[in-house]
Amino acid sequence: MRLLVFSILLGCASVIQAAPAELDWLELMPPEDRQALEDMPEIEHDSPENDGFSDQGGLKQGAGLPAVMYSAKTVPALDGKQVRLGGYPVPLETDSRGRSTEFFLVPYPGACIHVPPPPPNQIVMVRYPDGITLDDIYAPLWVDGTLRIEPVRNALADAAYELSAAEVTLVDESDL
């Protein structure tokens, strides 16, 4: 009997401690968008930064970029999933202690600062009430939580997903 109880407790402990499944950024795009991204010609960066931005946030439609760069198409099967997503923060809101409680998570450093920003389905709005101190926006983060299909409009960019974070941690270099 003790062995059975110990086995059950051990099994529960391993489930509780298990991190959510790690999600790759390309998994946030439907297959047709992934293919369009692979087929896309290289983007020129020789125009002034403001030429690519809309005054409503995100990229201007018709700025000469392929449609996939504006895509907000999502993957319905991901809605409500517990995930771990690694990326770079773009701070939006802070609490009274200066900790970031809302930020965009993007797949590469400097996104939303340079032209063009990623498409909306490659930008995730993270809401983390506990907040995290972001000393360096070029330092990658792990964000664990519940992913939702939730369009978010912001003056900086548009996001197709929202992630209610249970935990946000700096990526340890040994994880890379």
Protein backbone atom coordinates (compact mmCIF):
# COMPACT_ATOMS: atom_id res chain seq x y z
CA MET A 1 0.00 0.00 0.00
CA ARG A 2 2.80 2.45 0.85
CA LEU A 3 4.44 1.71 -2.48
CA LEU A 4 1.19 2.47 -4.33
CA VAL A 5 0.71 5.80 -2.49
CA PHE A 6 4.37 6.74 -3.08
CA SER A 7 4.03 5.94 -6.81
CA ILE A 8 0.91 8.06 -7.11
CA LEU A 9 2.52 11.01 -5.29
CA LEU A 10 5.65 10.73 -7.40
CA GLY A 11 3.55 10.70 -10.58
CA CYS A 12 1.62 13.80 -9.45
CA ALA A 13 4.82 15.63 -8.56
CA SER A 14 6.29 15.04 -12.00
CA VAL A 15 3.14 16.36 -13.68
CA ILE A 16 3.11 19.48 -11.48
CA GLN A 17 6.80 20.24 -12.13
CA ALA A 18 6.69 19.66 -15.88
CA ALA A 19 7.07 22.83 -17.94
CA PRO A 20 4.50 23.44 -20.66
CA ALA A 21 5.31 22.24 -24.17
CA GLU A 22 7.79 24.55 -25.87
CA LEU A 23 6.23 26.30 -28.85
CA ASP A 24 8.21 27.33 -31.91
CA TRP A 25 7.33 30.71 -33.41
CA LEU A 26 6.52 29.19 -36.80
CA GLU A 27 3.86 27.04 -35.12
CA LEU A 28 1.88 30.25 -34.54
CA MET A 29 1.44 30.59 -38.31
CA PRO A 30 -0.94 28.45 -40.36
CA PRO A 31 0.84 26.30 -42.99
CA GLU A 32 -0.06 28.64 -45.88
CA ASP A 33 1.59 31.59 -44.09
CA ARG A 34 4.73 29.56 -43.34
CA GLN A 35 4.99 28.67 -47.02
CA ALA A 36 4.43 32.28 -48.10
CA LEU A 37 7.14 33.40 -45.68
CA GLU A 38 9.59 30.86 -47.10
CA ASP A 39 8.77 32.00 -50.65
CA MET A 40 9.07 35.71 -49.83
CA PRO A 41 11.87 37.74 -51.45
CA GLU A 42 14.38 39.47 -49.18
CA ILE A 43 13.08 42.74 -47.74
CA GLU A 44 15.00 45.92 -48.44
CA HIS A 45 15.74 48.11 -45.41
CA ASP A 46 16.94 51.21 -47.25
CA SER A 47 13.80 53.33 -46.76
CA PRO A 48 13.15 55.71 -43.85
CA GLU A 49 11.63 53.93 -40.84
CA ASN A 50 8.40 55.92 -40.86
CA ASP A 51 7.61 54.89 -44.44
CA GLY A 52 6.67 51.40 -43.26
CA PHE A 53 4.49 52.31 -40.25
CA SER A 54 0.79 53.09 -40.08
CA ASP A 55 -0.39 55.81 -37.69
CA GLN A 56 -2.79 53.16 -36.28
CA GLY A 57 0.12 50.83 -35.42
CA GLY A 58 1.85 48.06 -37.35
CA LEU A 59 2.82 48.22 -41.00
CA LYS A 60 1.12 50.37 -43.59
CA GLN A 61 -0.90 48.28 -45.99
CA GLY A 62 0.49 48.59 -49.48
CA ALA A 63 4.02 49.46 -48.33
CA GLY A 64 5.28 47.09 -51.02
CA LEU A 65 5.54 44.05 -48.76
CA PRO A 66 3.97 40.63 -49.40
CA ALA A 67 0.58 39.98 -47.77
CA VAL A 68 2.09 37.49 -45.31
CA MET A 69 3.81 40.43 -43.55
CA TYR A 70 0.36 41.71 -42.51
CA SER A 71 -1.14 38.31 -41.65
CA ALA A 72 -3.14 37.92 -38.48
CA LYS A 73 -4.17 34.36 -39.42
CA THR A 74 -3.91 32.10 -36.39
CA VAL A 75 -3.85 28.40 -35.56
CA PRO A 76 -7.17 27.59 -33.80
CA ALA A 77 -5.78 24.43 -32.18
CA LEU A 78 -3.45 26.60 -30.06
CA ASP A 79 -6.28 28.55 -28.38
CA GLY A 80 -6.30 27.79 -24.65
CA LYS A 81 -3.10 25.70 -24.72
CA GLN A 82 -0.49 25.80 -21.98
CA VAL A 83 2.75 26.74 -23.73
CA ARG A 84 6.31 27.88 -23.20
CA LEU A 85 7.44 30.48 -25.73
CA GLY A 86 10.89 32.02 -25.90
CA GLY A 87 11.39 35.47 -27.33
CA TYR A 88 12.29 39.08 -26.75
CA PRO A 89 10.24 41.67 -24.86
CA VAL A 90 8.94 44.98 -26.12
CA PRO A 91 7.76 46.70 -22.90
CA LEU A 92 4.33 48.35 -22.92
CA GLU A 93 3.06 48.72 -19.33
CA THR A 94 4.79 48.79 -15.95
CA ASP A 95 3.57 48.67 -12.38
CA SER A 96 4.42 51.10 -9.56
CA ARG A 97 7.65 49.16 -8.91
CA GLY A 98 8.82 49.59 -12.51
CA ARG A 99 8.25 45.93 -13.38
CA SER A 100 6.85 45.13 -16.84
CA THR A 101 3.34 43.73 -16.54
CA GLU A 102 2.42 43.94 -20.23
CA PHE A 103 4.78 43.52 -23.14
CA PHE A 104 4.88 42.18 -26.63
CA LEU A 105 6.92 39.02 -27.05
CA VAL A 106 8.59 38.87 -30.46
CA PRO A 107 10.80 36.26 -32.16
CA TYR A 108 13.91 38.40 -32.61
CA PRO A 109 15.51 41.29 -30.74
CA GLY A 110 14.60 44.78 -31.86
CA ALA A 111 11.32 43.76 -33.53
CA CYS A 112 8.70 46.55 -33.49
CA ILE A 113 11.58 49.02 -33.40
CA HIS A 114 12.84 48.29 -36.91
CA VAL A 115 11.02 48.12 -40.24
CA PRO A 116 9.30 45.87 -40.83
CA PRO A 117 7.92 44.50 -37.55
CA PRO A 118 6.85 40.85 -37.61
CA PRO A 119 3.34 40.06 -38.85
CA PRO A 120 0.63 40.10 -36.14
CA ASN A 121 0.69 36.30 -35.94
CA GLN A 122 4.34 36.56 -34.90
CA ILE A 123 3.68 39.05 -32.09
CA VAL A 124 2.24 37.89 -28.76
CA MET A 125 0.79 40.24 -26.15
CA VAL A 126 1.98 39.01 -22.74
CA ARG A 127 0.06 39.93 -19.62
CA TYR A 128 2.00 39.18 -16.43
CA PRO A 129 0.44 40.76 -13.30
CA ASP A 130 3.45 39.74 -11.15
CA GLY A 131 5.68 41.81 -13.43
CA ILE A 132 9.32 41.31 -14.32
CA THR A 133 12.22 43.71 -14.27
CA LEU A 134 13.52 44.10 -17.81
CA ASP A 135 17.02 45.50 -17.57
CA ASP A 136 17.84 44.57 -21.16
CA ILE A 137 15.21 44.20 -23.90
CA TYR A 138 17.79 42.29 -25.94
CA ALA A 139 17.91 39.52 -23.31
CA PRO A 140 15.61 36.61 -24.25
CA LEU A 141 12.81 35.39 -21.99
CA TRP A 142 10.86 32.19 -21.44
CA VAL A 143 7.15 32.82 -20.96
CA ASP A 144 4.96 30.00 -19.62
CA GLY A 145 1.20 30.36 -19.61
CA THR A 146 -2.08 30.06 -21.44
CA LEU A 147 -2.12 31.12 -25.09
CA ARG A 148 -5.29 32.64 -26.52
CA ILE A 149 -6.26 33.86 -29.96
CA GLU A 150 -6.88 37.47 -29.04
CA PRO A 151 -6.23 40.31 -31.50
CA VAL A 152 -4.56 43.29 -29.82
CA ARG A 153 -4.10 46.71 -31.44
CA ASN A 154 -1.40 49.00 -30.13
CA ALA A 155 0.25 52.14 -31.46
CA LEU A 156 3.47 50.14 -31.81
CA ALA A 157 2.14 47.01 -33.53
CA ASP A 158 -0.73 44.54 -33.77
CA ALA A 159 -0.69 41.09 -32.16
CA ALA A 160 -2.84 38.10 -33.06
CA TYR A 161 -2.25 36.20 -29.80
CA GLU A 162 -2.36 36.94 -26.08
CA LEU A 163 -0.46 34.97 -23.45
CA SER A 164 -1.57 35.06 -19.82
CA ALA A 165 1.77 34.39 -18.18
CA ALA A 166 2.07 32.21 -15.11
CA GLU A 167 5.86 32.55 -15.13
CA VAL A 168 8.38 34.73 -16.97
CA THR A 169 12.09 34.03 -16.64
CA LEU A 170 15.27 35.15 -18.30
CA VAL A 171 16.67 32.52 -20.65
CA ASP A 172 19.72 30.87 -19.14
CA GLU A 173 22.57 30.78 -21.63
CA SER A 174 22.95 27.06 -20.93
CA ASP A 175 19.47 26.57 -22.48
CA LEU A 176 20.70 27.88 -25.83
